[in-house]
Amino acid sequence: MRFIYENDHQQVIVTETKASLPNDGRFIWYDSSHPSDEDKGFLEQHFSLDKHKIEESIYTISRPQIDVDEHQQNKYFVLHTITNTDFSANPLSITAFQNSMVTVHENNIPVLDQVIEQLQSGKLKFDNESITLAILDNITNSYFKYVNDVEDTVFSFEYKNVNATGNNKLMDDVFDIRSEIIKLKRVLLPMQQMIDDVTEGNVLASSPKNRRLIKHIQNRLKRQNDTLAASESITEEIKDNNESYRSNKINNVMNVLTMISSIFFPLSLLTGWYGMNFSFMPELQWKYSYFVFIAIMAIITIWLILLFKKKKWF
């Protein structure tokens, strides 16, 4: 666990030593990454945090949510960041009190380091509302990396030639990107719903600047979700086009097979007719019967081919 606070010279200090913490009531940020049993016990005892709230920050068992007391003094958030490897949700909880705040997470979250850098450079006020908004802002901004990659990949499909060889590869890529879109929507849609609740409840809105930032975050999430929805719609159209392409190929094959069957049907009829083992068939005794039979079959074949061509079947 690390502790972030301002010293007497208003410098932001990051330490892992509890003994060095000031005890004069100034604001302190407690950040627990991969909390040990000792850390969990400290958080439960010192801040009266429920055990299930700590577990929500370690295991992805809860959707992004907000819980505020009736006086809006204590605020509890569950946020989701995204892992680079499989687009899965990485939970982070924020519990904001009047003079302190606690963040709990299982894995390392670079966004928190970015917020600490903003604090140390003086770009951010050192209070729970400003820090919470900065975390929200940085998390939602980090989504653009994944959303833009998906959008670029989907638009790249436009320049891929679809043919018998490349069609299967294209569809593999389409189904892969659709899987990524679903994973991203599982994170972004609940986050947007949570931000909507923040906006409707006037949470984190103590100043016009904060209200504008919340509105900006809300619009950003809406834009990201709209981009994912548009990308999903494009992949659906590609999938439909692929089905049409396959159906057209199958229809062409069936047309060829149908024409071949139509040509051989009368020929098979004639062959079967004269293949019967009757003892008296006068045509069979005629010396030109073989040549006439071949000629009739050739005429039928040519006539059927010309008929199909006239009807533009091929």
C-alpha atoms as a PDB file:
ATOM      1  CA  MET A   1       0.000   0.000   0.000  1.00  0.00           C
ATOM      2  CA  ARG A   2       1.209   3.492  -0.783  1.00  0.00           C
ATOM      3  CA  PHE A   3       0.174   6.787   0.743  1.00  0.00           C
ATOM      4  CA  ILE A   4      -0.058  10.124  -1.065  1.00  0.00           C
ATOM      5  CA  TYR A   5      -0.266  13.413   0.842  1.00  0.00           C
ATOM      6  CA  GLU A   6       0.897  17.022   0.791  1.00  0.00           C
ATOM      7  CA  ASN A   7       3.705  18.074   3.108  1.00  0.00           C
ATOM      8  CA  ASP A   8       4.048  21.452   4.829  1.00  0.00           C
ATOM      9  CA  HIS A   9       5.521  22.926   1.637  1.00  0.00           C
ATOM     10  CA  GLN A  10       2.495  21.711  -0.412  1.00  0.00           C
ATOM     11  CA  GLN A  11       4.636  19.144  -2.188  1.00  0.00           C
ATOM     12  CA  VAL A  12       2.906  15.872  -3.037  1.00  0.00           C
ATOM     13  CA  ILE A  13       4.685  12.993  -1.311  1.00  0.00           C
ATOM     14  CA  VAL A  14       4.306   9.300  -2.193  1.00  0.00           C
ATOM     15  CA  THR A  15       5.411   6.856   0.490  1.00  0.00           C
ATOM     16  CA  GLU A  16       4.825   3.270   1.617  1.00  0.00           C
ATOM     17  CA  THR A  17       5.593   3.999   5.270  1.00  0.00           C
ATOM     18  CA  LYS A  18       2.626   4.582   7.557  1.00  0.00           C
ATOM     19  CA  ALA A  19       4.820   6.113  10.272  1.00  0.00           C
ATOM     20  CA  SER A  20       5.650   9.090   8.045  1.00  0.00           C
ATOM     21  CA  LEU A  21       2.004  10.085   7.560  1.00  0.00           C
ATOM     22  CA  PRO A  22       0.882  13.411   9.054  1.00  0.00           C
ATOM     23  CA  ASN A  23      -1.691  13.239  11.841  1.00  0.00           C
ATOM     24  CA  ASP A  24      -2.984  16.789  11.681  1.00  0.00           C
ATOM     25  CA  GLY A  25      -6.135  15.959   9.698  1.00  0.00           C
ATOM     26  CA  ARG A  26      -4.814  16.879   6.256  1.00  0.00           C
ATOM     27  CA  PHE A  27      -6.069  14.999   3.195  1.00  0.00           C
ATOM     28  CA  ILE A  28      -4.431  11.598   2.527  1.00  0.00           C
ATOM     29  CA  TRP A  29      -4.907   9.239  -0.424  1.00  0.00           C
ATOM     30  CA  TYR A  30      -4.494   5.555   0.420  1.00  0.00           C
ATOM     31  CA  ASP A  31      -3.768   3.395  -2.653  1.00  0.00           C
ATOM     32  CA  SER A  32      -3.776  -0.381  -2.175  1.00  0.00           C
ATOM     33  CA  SER A  33      -2.604  -2.552  -5.068  1.00  0.00           C
ATOM     34  CA  HIS A  34      -2.973  -6.327  -4.717  1.00  0.00           C
ATOM     35  CA  PRO A  35      -3.955  -5.901  -1.054  1.00  0.00           C
ATOM     36  CA  SER A  36      -2.573  -8.387   1.431  1.00  0.00           C
ATOM     37  CA  ASP A  37      -4.565  -9.713   4.372  1.00  0.00           C
ATOM     38  CA  GLU A  38      -2.858  -7.065   6.509  1.00  0.00           C
ATOM     39  CA  ASP A  39      -3.927  -4.315   4.076  1.00  0.00           C
ATOM     40  CA  LYS A  40      -7.488  -5.626   4.020  1.00  0.00           C
ATOM     41  CA  GLY A  41      -7.581  -5.659   7.809  1.00  0.00           C
ATOM     42  CA  PHE A  42      -6.251  -2.087   7.955  1.00  0.00           C
ATOM     43  CA  LEU A  43      -8.875  -0.859   5.483  1.00  0.00           C
ATOM     44  CA  GLU A  44     -11.707  -2.629   7.305  1.00  0.00           C
ATOM     45  CA  GLN A  45     -10.615  -1.347  10.701  1.00  0.00           C
ATOM     46  CA  HIS A  46      -9.425   2.172   9.844  1.00  0.00           C
ATOM     47  CA  PHE A  47     -12.131   3.088   7.297  1.00  0.00           C
ATOM     48  CA  SER A  48     -14.872   0.590   8.230  1.00  0.00           C
ATOM     49  CA  LEU A  49     -14.875  -0.663   4.640  1.00  0.00           C
ATOM     50  CA  ASP A  50     -17.099  -3.664   4.023  1.00  0.00           C
ATOM     51  CA  LYS A  51     -15.291  -6.826   3.017  1.00  0.00           C
ATOM     52  CA  HIS A  52     -17.413  -7.204  -0.126  1.00  0.00           C
ATOM     53  CA  LYS A  53     -16.425  -3.699  -1.270  1.00  0.00           C
ATOM     54  CA  ILE A  54     -12.767  -4.657  -1.065  1.00  0.00           C
ATOM     55  CA  GLU A  55     -13.451  -7.853  -3.002  1.00  0.00           C
ATOM     56  CA  GLU A  56     -15.253  -5.863  -5.702  1.00  0.00           C
ATOM     57  CA  SER A  57     -11.937  -4.147  -6.324  1.00  0.00           C
ATOM     58  CA  ILE A  58     -10.021  -7.411  -6.570  1.00  0.00           C
ATOM     59  CA  TYR A  59     -12.387  -9.599  -8.555  1.00  0.00           C
ATOM     60  CA  THR A  60     -14.554  -8.496 -11.479  1.00  0.00           C
ATOM     61  CA  ILE A  61     -17.799  -9.436  -9.780  1.00  0.00           C
ATOM     62  CA  SER A  62     -19.558  -6.090  -9.923  1.00  0.00           C
ATOM     63  CA  ARG A  63     -20.578  -3.700 -12.654  1.00  0.00           C
ATOM     64  CA  PRO A  64     -19.345  -0.103 -12.497  1.00  0.00           C
ATOM     65  CA  GLN A  65     -21.471   1.589  -9.856  1.00  0.00           C
ATOM     66  CA  ILE A  66     -21.768   4.543  -7.525  1.00  0.00           C
ATOM     67  CA  ASP A  67     -23.037   4.648  -3.954  1.00  0.00           C
ATOM     68  CA  VAL A  68     -23.405   7.980  -2.144  1.00  0.00           C
ATOM     69  CA  ASP A  69     -24.731   8.712   1.342  1.00  0.00           C
ATOM     70  CA  GLU A  70     -27.629  11.106   1.713  1.00  0.00           C
ATOM     71  CA  HIS A  71     -25.375  14.062   2.534  1.00  0.00           C
ATOM     72  CA  GLN A  72     -22.902  13.236  -0.270  1.00  0.00           C
ATOM     73  CA  GLN A  73     -20.067  13.179   2.265  1.00  0.00           C
ATOM     74  CA  ASN A  74     -18.900   9.633   1.520  1.00  0.00           C
ATOM     75  CA  LYS A  75     -18.844   8.349  -2.042  1.00  0.00           C
ATOM     76  CA  TYR A  76     -18.106   4.858  -3.289  1.00  0.00           C
ATOM     77  CA  PHE A  77     -17.296   4.090  -6.938  1.00  0.00           C
ATOM     78  CA  VAL A  78     -16.428   0.926  -8.818  1.00  0.00           C
ATOM     79  CA  LEU A  79     -14.711   1.648 -12.146  1.00  0.00           C
ATOM     80  CA  HIS A  80     -13.370  -0.656 -14.828  1.00  0.00           C
ATOM     81  CA  THR A  81     -10.159  -0.186 -16.743  1.00  0.00           C
ATOM     82  CA  ILE A  82      -9.194  -2.444 -19.660  1.00  0.00           C
ATOM     83  CA  THR A  83      -6.312  -4.891 -19.805  1.00  0.00           C
ATOM     84  CA  ASN A  84      -4.137  -4.822 -22.919  1.00  0.00           C
ATOM     85  CA  THR A  85      -4.093  -8.568 -23.473  1.00  0.00           C
ATOM     86  CA  ASP A  86      -7.695  -9.726 -23.695  1.00  0.00           C
ATOM     87  CA  PHE A  87      -9.837  -6.557 -23.304  1.00  0.00           C
ATOM     88  CA  SER A  88     -11.166  -7.834 -19.976  1.00  0.00           C
ATOM     89  CA  ALA A  89     -12.306  -5.490 -17.202  1.00  0.00           C
ATOM     90  CA  ASN A  90      -9.832  -4.565 -14.497  1.00  0.00           C
ATOM     91  CA  PRO A  91     -11.795  -3.289 -11.458  1.00  0.00           C
ATOM     92  CA  LEU A  92     -10.846  -0.293  -9.353  1.00  0.00           C
ATOM     93  CA  SER A  93     -12.788   0.977  -6.342  1.00  0.00           C
ATOM     94  CA  ILE A  94     -12.681   4.523  -4.989  1.00  0.00           C
ATOM     95  CA  THR A  95     -13.999   5.358  -1.550  1.00  0.00           C
ATOM     96  CA  ALA A  96     -13.949   9.117  -0.967  1.00  0.00           C
ATOM     97  CA  PHE A  97     -14.294  10.568   2.530  1.00  0.00           C
ATOM     98  CA  GLN A  98     -14.110  14.192   3.608  1.00  0.00           C
ATOM     99  CA  ASN A  99     -10.402  14.181   4.488  1.00  0.00           C
ATOM    100  CA  SER A 100      -9.194  11.024   2.774  1.00  0.00           C
ATOM    101  CA  MET A 101      -9.806   8.638  -0.058  1.00  0.00           C
ATOM    102  CA  VAL A 102      -9.019   4.976  -0.649  1.00  0.00           C
ATOM    103  CA  THR A 103      -8.378   3.244  -3.974  1.00  0.00           C
ATOM    104  CA  VAL A 104      -8.204  -0.549  -4.095  1.00  0.00           C
ATOM    105  CA  HIS A 105      -7.255  -2.652  -7.115  1.00  0.00           C
ATOM    106  CA  GLU A 106      -5.722  -6.046  -7.817  1.00  0.00           C
ATOM    107  CA  ASN A 107      -3.467  -5.213 -10.768  1.00  0.00           C
ATOM    108  CA  ASN A 108      -1.261  -2.246 -11.524  1.00  0.00           C
ATOM    109  CA  ILE A 109      -3.267   0.594 -13.083  1.00  0.00           C
ATOM    110  CA  PRO A 110      -1.104   3.136 -14.974  1.00  0.00           C
ATOM    111  CA  VAL A 111      -3.906   5.722 -14.823  1.00  0.00           C
ATOM    112  CA  LEU A 112      -3.281   6.185 -11.098  1.00  0.00           C
ATOM    113  CA  ASP A 113       0.379   6.958 -11.741  1.00  0.00           C
ATOM    114  CA  GLN A 114      -0.696   9.549 -14.295  1.00  0.00           C
ATOM    115  CA  VAL A 115      -2.968  11.206 -11.732  1.00  0.00           C
ATOM    116  CA  ILE A 116      -0.152  11.269  -9.167  1.00  0.00           C
ATOM    117  CA  GLU A 117       2.090  12.963 -11.747  1.00  0.00           C
ATOM    118  CA  GLN A 118      -0.627  15.567 -12.316  1.00  0.00           C
ATOM    119  CA  LEU A 119      -0.753  16.188  -8.566  1.00  0.00           C
ATOM    120  CA  GLN A 120       3.016  16.497  -8.268  1.00  0.00           C
ATOM    121  CA  SER A 121       3.182  18.943 -11.173  1.00  0.00           C
ATOM    122  CA  GLY A 122       0.499  21.143  -9.617  1.00  0.00           C
ATOM    123  CA  LYS A 123      -1.995  20.607 -12.444  1.00  0.00           C
ATOM    124  CA  LEU A 124      -4.564  19.062 -10.111  1.00  0.00           C
ATOM    125  CA  LYS A 125      -6.065  20.121  -6.786  1.00  0.00           C
ATOM    126  CA  PHE A 126      -5.343  17.734  -3.933  1.00  0.00           C
ATOM    127  CA  ASP A 127      -8.881  16.812  -2.837  1.00  0.00           C
ATOM    128  CA  ASN A 128     -11.062  13.721  -3.268  1.00  0.00           C
ATOM    129  CA  GLU A 129     -13.421  15.224  -5.869  1.00  0.00           C
ATOM    130  CA  SER A 130     -10.643  16.501  -8.142  1.00  0.00           C
ATOM    131  CA  ILE A 131      -8.691  13.237  -7.864  1.00  0.00           C
ATOM    132  CA  THR A 132     -11.794  11.102  -8.497  1.00  0.00           C
ATOM    133  CA  LEU A 133     -12.683  13.162 -11.571  1.00  0.00           C
ATOM    134  CA  ALA A 134      -9.094  12.947 -12.828  1.00  0.00           C
ATOM    135  CA  ILE A 135      -9.143   9.154 -12.464  1.00  0.00           C
ATOM    136  CA  LEU A 136     -12.448   8.986 -14.350  1.00  0.00           C
ATOM    137  CA  ASP A 137     -11.131  11.330 -17.019  1.00  0.00           C
ATOM    138  CA  ASN A 138      -7.911   9.349 -17.535  1.00  0.00           C
ATOM    139  CA  ILE A 139      -9.666   5.973 -17.521  1.00  0.00           C
ATOM    140  CA  THR A 140     -12.275   6.958 -20.103  1.00  0.00           C
ATOM    141  CA  ASN A 141      -9.603   8.659 -22.206  1.00  0.00           C
ATOM    142  CA  SER A 142      -7.574   5.421 -22.188  1.00  0.00           C
ATOM    143  CA  TYR A 143     -10.532   3.645 -23.842  1.00  0.00           C
ATOM    144  CA  PHE A 144      -9.828   5.574 -27.064  1.00  0.00           C
ATOM    145  CA  LYS A 145      -6.758   3.424 -27.727  1.00  0.00           C
ATOM    146  CA  TYR A 146      -8.887   0.283 -27.951  1.00  0.00           C
ATOM    147  CA  VAL A 147     -11.907   1.889 -29.631  1.00  0.00           C
ATOM    148  CA  ASN A 148      -9.777   3.581 -32.307  1.00  0.00           C
ATOM    149  CA  ASP A 149      -7.871   0.341 -32.994  1.00  0.00           C
ATOM    150  CA  VAL A 150     -11.175  -1.461 -33.524  1.00  0.00           C
ATOM    151  CA  GLU A 151     -12.466   1.314 -35.795  1.00  0.00           C
ATOM    152  CA  ASP A 152      -9.267   1.335 -37.892  1.00  0.00           C
ATOM    153  CA  THR A 153      -9.366  -2.446 -38.241  1.00  0.00           C
ATOM    154  CA  VAL A 154     -13.009  -2.410 -39.357  1.00  0.00           C
ATOM    155  CA  PHE A 155     -12.412   0.343 -41.916  1.00  0.00           C
ATOM    156  CA  SER A 156      -9.386  -1.558 -43.249  1.00  0.00           C
ATOM    157  CA  PHE A 157     -11.747  -4.338 -44.373  1.00  0.00           C
ATOM    158  CA  GLU A 158     -12.967  -1.977 -47.106  1.00  0.00           C
ATOM    159  CA  TYR A 159      -9.629  -2.269 -48.902  1.00  0.00           C
ATOM    160  CA  LYS A 160      -9.424  -6.052 -48.789  1.00  0.00           C
ATOM    161  CA  ASN A 161     -10.327  -7.850 -52.008  1.00  0.00           C
ATOM    162  CA  VAL A 162     -12.861 -10.612 -51.478  1.00  0.00           C
ATOM    163  CA  ASN A 163     -12.171 -13.717 -53.503  1.00  0.00           C
ATOM    164  CA  ALA A 164     -12.312 -17.452 -53.016  1.00  0.00           C
ATOM    165  CA  THR A 165      -8.940 -17.485 -51.256  1.00  0.00           C
ATOM    166  CA  GLY A 166      -9.141 -14.303 -49.188  1.00  0.00           C
ATOM    167  CA  ASN A 167     -12.791 -14.572 -48.183  1.00  0.00           C
ATOM    168  CA  ASN A 168     -12.222 -17.097 -45.392  1.00  0.00           C
ATOM    169  CA  LYS A 169      -9.353 -15.034 -43.960  1.00  0.00           C
ATOM    170  CA  LEU A 170     -11.481 -11.886 -44.077  1.00  0.00           C
ATOM    171  CA  MET A 171     -14.336 -13.557 -42.216  1.00  0.00           C
ATOM    172  CA  ASP A 172     -11.932 -14.866 -39.564  1.00  0.00           C
ATOM    173  CA  ASP A 173     -10.781 -11.270 -39.043  1.00  0.00           C
ATOM    174  CA  VAL A 174     -14.390 -10.052 -38.909  1.00  0.00           C
ATOM    175  CA  PHE A 175     -15.387 -12.562 -36.241  1.00  0.00           C
ATOM    176  CA  ASP A 176     -12.249 -11.746 -34.219  1.00  0.00           C
ATOM    177  CA  ILE A 177     -12.995  -8.025 -34.269  1.00  0.00           C
ATOM    178  CA  ARG A 178     -16.657  -8.647 -33.382  1.00  0.00           C
ATOM    179  CA  SER A 179     -15.456 -10.568 -30.336  1.00  0.00           C
ATOM    180  CA  GLU A 180     -13.294  -7.585 -29.323  1.00  0.00           C
ATOM    181  CA  ILE A 181     -16.232  -5.203 -29.806  1.00  0.00           C
ATOM    182  CA  ILE A 182     -18.402  -7.308 -27.493  1.00  0.00           C
ATOM    183  CA  LYS A 183     -15.686  -7.319 -24.820  1.00  0.00           C
ATOM    184  CA  LEU A 184     -15.252  -3.551 -25.062  1.00  0.00           C
ATOM    185  CA  LYS A 185     -19.000  -2.922 -24.894  1.00  0.00           C
ATOM    186  CA  ARG A 186     -19.168  -5.002 -21.725  1.00  0.00           C
ATOM    187  CA  VAL A 187     -16.883  -2.394 -20.138  1.00  0.00           C
ATOM    188  CA  LEU A 188     -17.956   0.851 -21.800  1.00  0.00           C
ATOM    189  CA  LEU A 189     -21.746   0.525 -21.634  1.00  0.00           C
ATOM    190  CA  PRO A 190     -21.879  -0.001 -17.829  1.00  0.00           C
ATOM    191  CA  MET A 191     -19.361   2.821 -17.406  1.00  0.00           C
ATOM    192  CA  GLN A 192     -21.616   5.130 -19.413  1.00  0.00           C
ATOM    193  CA  GLN A 193     -24.604   4.122 -17.293  1.00  0.00           C
ATOM    194  CA  MET A 194     -22.599   4.848 -14.137  1.00  0.00           C
ATOM    195  CA  ILE A 195     -21.572   8.296 -15.423  1.00  0.00           C
ATOM    196  CA  ASP A 196     -25.228   8.977 -16.274  1.00  0.00           C
ATOM    197  CA  ASP A 197     -26.074   8.231 -12.630  1.00  0.00           C
ATOM    198  CA  VAL A 198     -23.303  10.598 -11.500  1.00  0.00           C
ATOM    199  CA  THR A 199     -24.712  13.353 -13.724  1.00  0.00           C
ATOM    200  CA  GLU A 200     -28.327  12.829 -12.660  1.00  0.00           C
ATOM    201  CA  GLY A 201     -27.367  12.763  -8.973  1.00  0.00           C
ATOM    202  CA  ASN A 202     -25.184  15.897  -9.205  1.00  0.00           C
ATOM    203  CA  VAL A 203     -22.323  13.924  -7.707  1.00  0.00           C
ATOM    204  CA  LEU A 204     -18.816  15.379  -8.121  1.00  0.00           C
ATOM    205  CA  ALA A 205     -20.425  18.651  -9.169  1.00  0.00           C
ATOM    206  CA  SER A 206     -19.285  21.095  -6.501  1.00  0.00           C
ATOM    207  CA  SER A 207     -18.021  23.615  -9.080  1.00  0.00           C
ATOM    208  CA  PRO A 208     -18.873  24.620 -12.672  1.00  0.00           C
ATOM    209  CA  LYS A 209     -15.478  23.290 -13.782  1.00  0.00           C
ATOM    210  CA  ASN A 210     -16.232  19.846 -12.348  1.00  0.00           C
ATOM    211  CA  ARG A 211     -19.707  19.817 -13.885  1.00  0.00           C
ATOM    212  CA  ARG A 212     -18.217  20.623 -17.284  1.00  0.00           C
ATOM    213  CA  LEU A 213     -15.664  17.824 -16.874  1.00  0.00           C
ATOM    214  CA  ILE A 214     -18.377  15.300 -15.937  1.00  0.00           C
ATOM    215  CA  LYS A 215     -20.384  16.344 -19.013  1.00  0.00           C
ATOM    216  CA  HIS A 216     -17.240  15.996 -21.133  1.00  0.00           C
ATOM    217  CA  ILE A 217     -16.620  12.468 -19.779  1.00  0.00           C
ATOM    218  CA  GLN A 218     -20.261  11.562 -20.421  1.00  0.00           C
ATOM    219  CA  ASN A 219     -20.075  12.777 -24.041  1.00  0.00           C
ATOM    220  CA  ARG A 220     -16.772  10.952 -24.521  1.00  0.00           C
ATOM    221  CA  LEU A 221     -18.247   7.624 -23.398  1.00  0.00           C
ATOM    222  CA  LYS A 222     -21.292   8.172 -25.595  1.00  0.00           C
ATOM    223  CA  ARG A 223     -19.028   8.853 -28.585  1.00  0.00           C
ATOM    224  CA  GLN A 224     -16.957   5.749 -27.856  1.00  0.00           C
ATOM    225  CA  ASN A 225     -20.045   3.553 -27.562  1.00  0.00           C
ATOM    226  CA  ASP A 226     -21.450   5.043 -30.773  1.00  0.00           C
ATOM    227  CA  THR A 227     -18.165   4.210 -32.527  1.00  0.00           C
ATOM    228  CA  LEU A 228     -18.355   0.606 -31.313  1.00  0.00           C
ATOM    229  CA  ALA A 229     -21.998   0.370 -32.410  1.00  0.00           C
ATOM    230  CA  ALA A 230     -21.111   1.721 -35.877  1.00  0.00           C
ATOM    231  CA  SER A 231     -18.183  -0.702 -36.170  1.00  0.00           C
ATOM    232  CA  GLU A 232     -20.412  -3.581 -35.140  1.00  0.00           C
ATOM    233  CA  SER A 233     -22.976  -2.544 -37.743  1.00  0.00           C
ATOM    234  CA  ILE A 234     -20.292  -2.472 -40.457  1.00  0.00           C
ATOM    235  CA  THR A 235     -19.078  -5.957 -39.528  1.00  0.00           C
ATOM    236  CA  GLU A 236     -22.696  -7.142 -39.646  1.00  0.00           C
ATOM    237  CA  GLU A 237     -22.976  -5.771 -43.189  1.00  0.00           C
ATOM    238  CA  ILE A 238     -19.698  -7.476 -44.136  1.00  0.00           C
ATOM    239  CA  LYS A 239     -21.054 -10.727 -42.685  1.00  0.00           C
ATOM    240  CA  ASP A 240     -24.276 -10.336 -44.694  1.00  0.00           C
ATOM    241  CA  ASN A 241     -22.286  -9.586 -47.851  1.00  0.00           C
ATOM    242  CA  ASN A 242     -20.230 -12.696 -47.234  1.00  0.00           C
ATOM    243  CA  GLU A 243     -23.406 -14.766 -46.914  1.00  0.00           C
ATOM    244  CA  SER A 244     -24.651 -13.284 -50.198  1.00  0.00           C
ATOM    245  CA  TYR A 245     -21.286 -14.000 -51.821  1.00  0.00           C
ATOM    246  CA  ARG A 246     -21.385 -17.614 -50.663  1.00  0.00           C
ATOM    247  CA  SER A 247     -25.014 -18.016 -51.719  1.00  0.00           C
ATOM    248  CA  ASN A 248     -24.207 -16.634 -55.157  1.00  0.00           C
ATOM    249  CA  LYS A 249     -21.307 -19.059 -55.535  1.00  0.00           C
ATOM    250  CA  ILE A 250     -23.535 -21.972 -54.495  1.00  0.00           C
ATOM    251  CA  ASN A 251     -26.258 -20.830 -56.908  1.00  0.00           C
ATOM    252  CA  ASN A 252     -23.749 -20.740 -59.766  1.00  0.00           C
ATOM    253  CA  VAL A 253     -22.636 -24.275 -58.966  1.00  0.00           C
ATOM    254  CA  MET A 254     -26.247 -25.438 -58.734  1.00  0.00           C
ATOM    255  CA  ASN A 255     -27.042 -23.826 -62.101  1.00  0.00           C
ATOM    256  CA  VAL A 256     -24.199 -25.733 -63.745  1.00  0.00           C
ATOM    257  CA  LEU A 257     -25.270 -28.999 -62.129  1.00  0.00           C
ATOM    258  CA  THR A 258     -28.896 -28.390 -63.127  1.00  0.00           C
ATOM    259  CA  MET A 259     -27.952 -27.779 -66.768  1.00  0.00           C
ATOM    260  CA  ILE A 260     -25.791 -30.902 -66.855  1.00  0.00           C
ATOM    261  CA  SER A 261     -28.642 -32.936 -65.339  1.00  0.00           C
ATOM    262  CA  SER A 262     -31.112 -31.448 -67.841  1.00  0.00           C
ATOM    263  CA  ILE A 263     -28.870 -32.453 -70.738  1.00  0.00           C
ATOM    264  CA  PHE A 264     -28.288 -35.982 -69.525  1.00  0.00           C
ATOM    265  CA  PHE A 265     -31.916 -36.678 -68.596  1.00  0.00           C
ATOM    266  CA  PRO A 266     -33.213 -37.215 -72.198  1.00  0.00           C
ATOM    267  CA  LEU A 267     -29.980 -39.012 -73.074  1.00  0.00           C
ATOM    268  CA  SER A 268     -30.433 -41.345 -70.132  1.00  0.00           C
ATOM    269  CA  LEU A 269     -34.047 -41.906 -71.157  1.00  0.00           C
ATOM    270  CA  LEU A 270     -32.998 -42.969 -74.646  1.00  0.00           C
ATOM    271  CA  THR A 271     -30.213 -45.122 -73.296  1.00  0.00           C
ATOM    272  CA  GLY A 272     -32.570 -46.813 -70.855  1.00  0.00           C
ATOM    273  CA  TRP A 273     -35.207 -47.286 -73.539  1.00  0.00           C
ATOM    274  CA  TYR A 274     -32.937 -49.076 -75.949  1.00  0.00           C
ATOM    275  CA  GLY A 275     -31.180 -50.889 -73.159  1.00  0.00           C
ATOM    276  CA  MET A 276     -34.286 -52.965 -72.379  1.00  0.00           C
ATOM    277  CA  ASN A 277     -33.832 -56.659 -73.087  1.00  0.00           C
ATOM    278  CA  PHE A 278     -36.858 -57.220 -75.284  1.00  0.00           C
ATOM    279  CA  SER A 279     -36.393 -59.928 -77.902  1.00  0.00           C
ATOM    280  CA  PHE A 280     -38.112 -57.962 -80.678  1.00  0.00           C
ATOM    281  CA  MET A 281     -36.907 -54.384 -81.238  1.00  0.00           C
ATOM    282  CA  PRO A 282     -36.721 -53.821 -85.010  1.00  0.00           C
ATOM    283  CA  GLU A 283     -34.523 -50.680 -84.703  1.00  0.00           C
ATOM    284  CA  LEU A 284     -31.721 -52.695 -83.253  1.00  0.00           C
ATOM    285  CA  GLN A 285     -31.443 -54.812 -86.421  1.00  0.00           C
ATOM    286  CA  TRP A 286     -31.057 -51.821 -88.725  1.00  0.00           C
ATOM    287  CA  LYS A 287     -27.435 -51.322 -89.775  1.00  0.00           C
ATOM    288  CA  TYR A 288     -27.594 -47.512 -89.406  1.00  0.00           C
ATOM    289  CA  SER A 289     -29.336 -47.546 -86.034  1.00  0.00           C
ATOM    290  CA  TYR A 290     -26.162 -46.821 -84.013  1.00  0.00           C
ATOM    291  CA  PHE A 291     -25.246 -43.789 -86.108  1.00  0.00           C
ATOM    292  CA  VAL A 292     -28.800 -42.439 -86.033  1.00  0.00           C
ATOM    293  CA  PHE A 293     -28.947 -42.915 -82.255  1.00  0.00           C
ATOM    294  CA  ILE A 294     -25.675 -40.993 -81.796  1.00  0.00           C
ATOM    295  CA  ALA A 295     -26.943 -38.240 -84.095  1.00  0.00           C
ATOM    296  CA  ILE A 296     -30.212 -37.916 -82.166  1.00  0.00           C
ATOM    297  CA  MET A 297     -28.302 -37.646 -78.889  1.00  0.00           C
ATOM    298  CA  ALA A 298     -25.991 -34.990 -80.378  1.00  0.00           C
ATOM    299  CA  ILE A 299     -28.954 -32.990 -81.723  1.00  0.00           C
ATOM    300  CA  ILE A 300     -30.706 -33.095 -78.331  1.00  0.00           C
ATOM    301  CA  THR A 301     -27.523 -31.991 -76.552  1.00  0.00           C
ATOM    302  CA  ILE A 302     -26.867 -29.084 -78.951  1.00  0.00           C
ATOM    303  CA  TRP A 303     -30.520 -28.012 -78.862  1.00  0.00           C
ATOM    304  CA  LEU A 304     -30.571 -27.945 -75.049  1.00  0.00           C
ATOM    305  CA  ILE A 305     -27.302 -25.989 -74.892  1.00  0.00           C
ATOM    306  CA  LEU A 306     -28.662 -23.408 -77.360  1.00  0.00           C
ATOM    307  CA  LEU A 307     -31.915 -23.228 -75.384  1.00  0.00           C
ATOM    308  CA  PHE A 308     -30.067 -22.582 -72.108  1.00  0.00           C
ATOM    309  CA  LYS A 309     -27.913 -19.954 -73.765  1.00  0.00           C
ATOM    310  CA  LYS A 310     -30.956 -18.234 -75.220  1.00  0.00           C
ATOM    311  CA  LYS A 311     -32.503 -18.095 -71.742  1.00  0.00           C
ATOM    312  CA  LYS A 312     -29.150 -16.716 -70.476  1.00  0.00           C
ATOM    313  CA  TRP A 313     -28.682 -19.470 -67.940  1.00  0.00           C
ATOM    314  CA  PHE A 314     -24.946 -19.279 -68.532  1.00  0.00           C
END
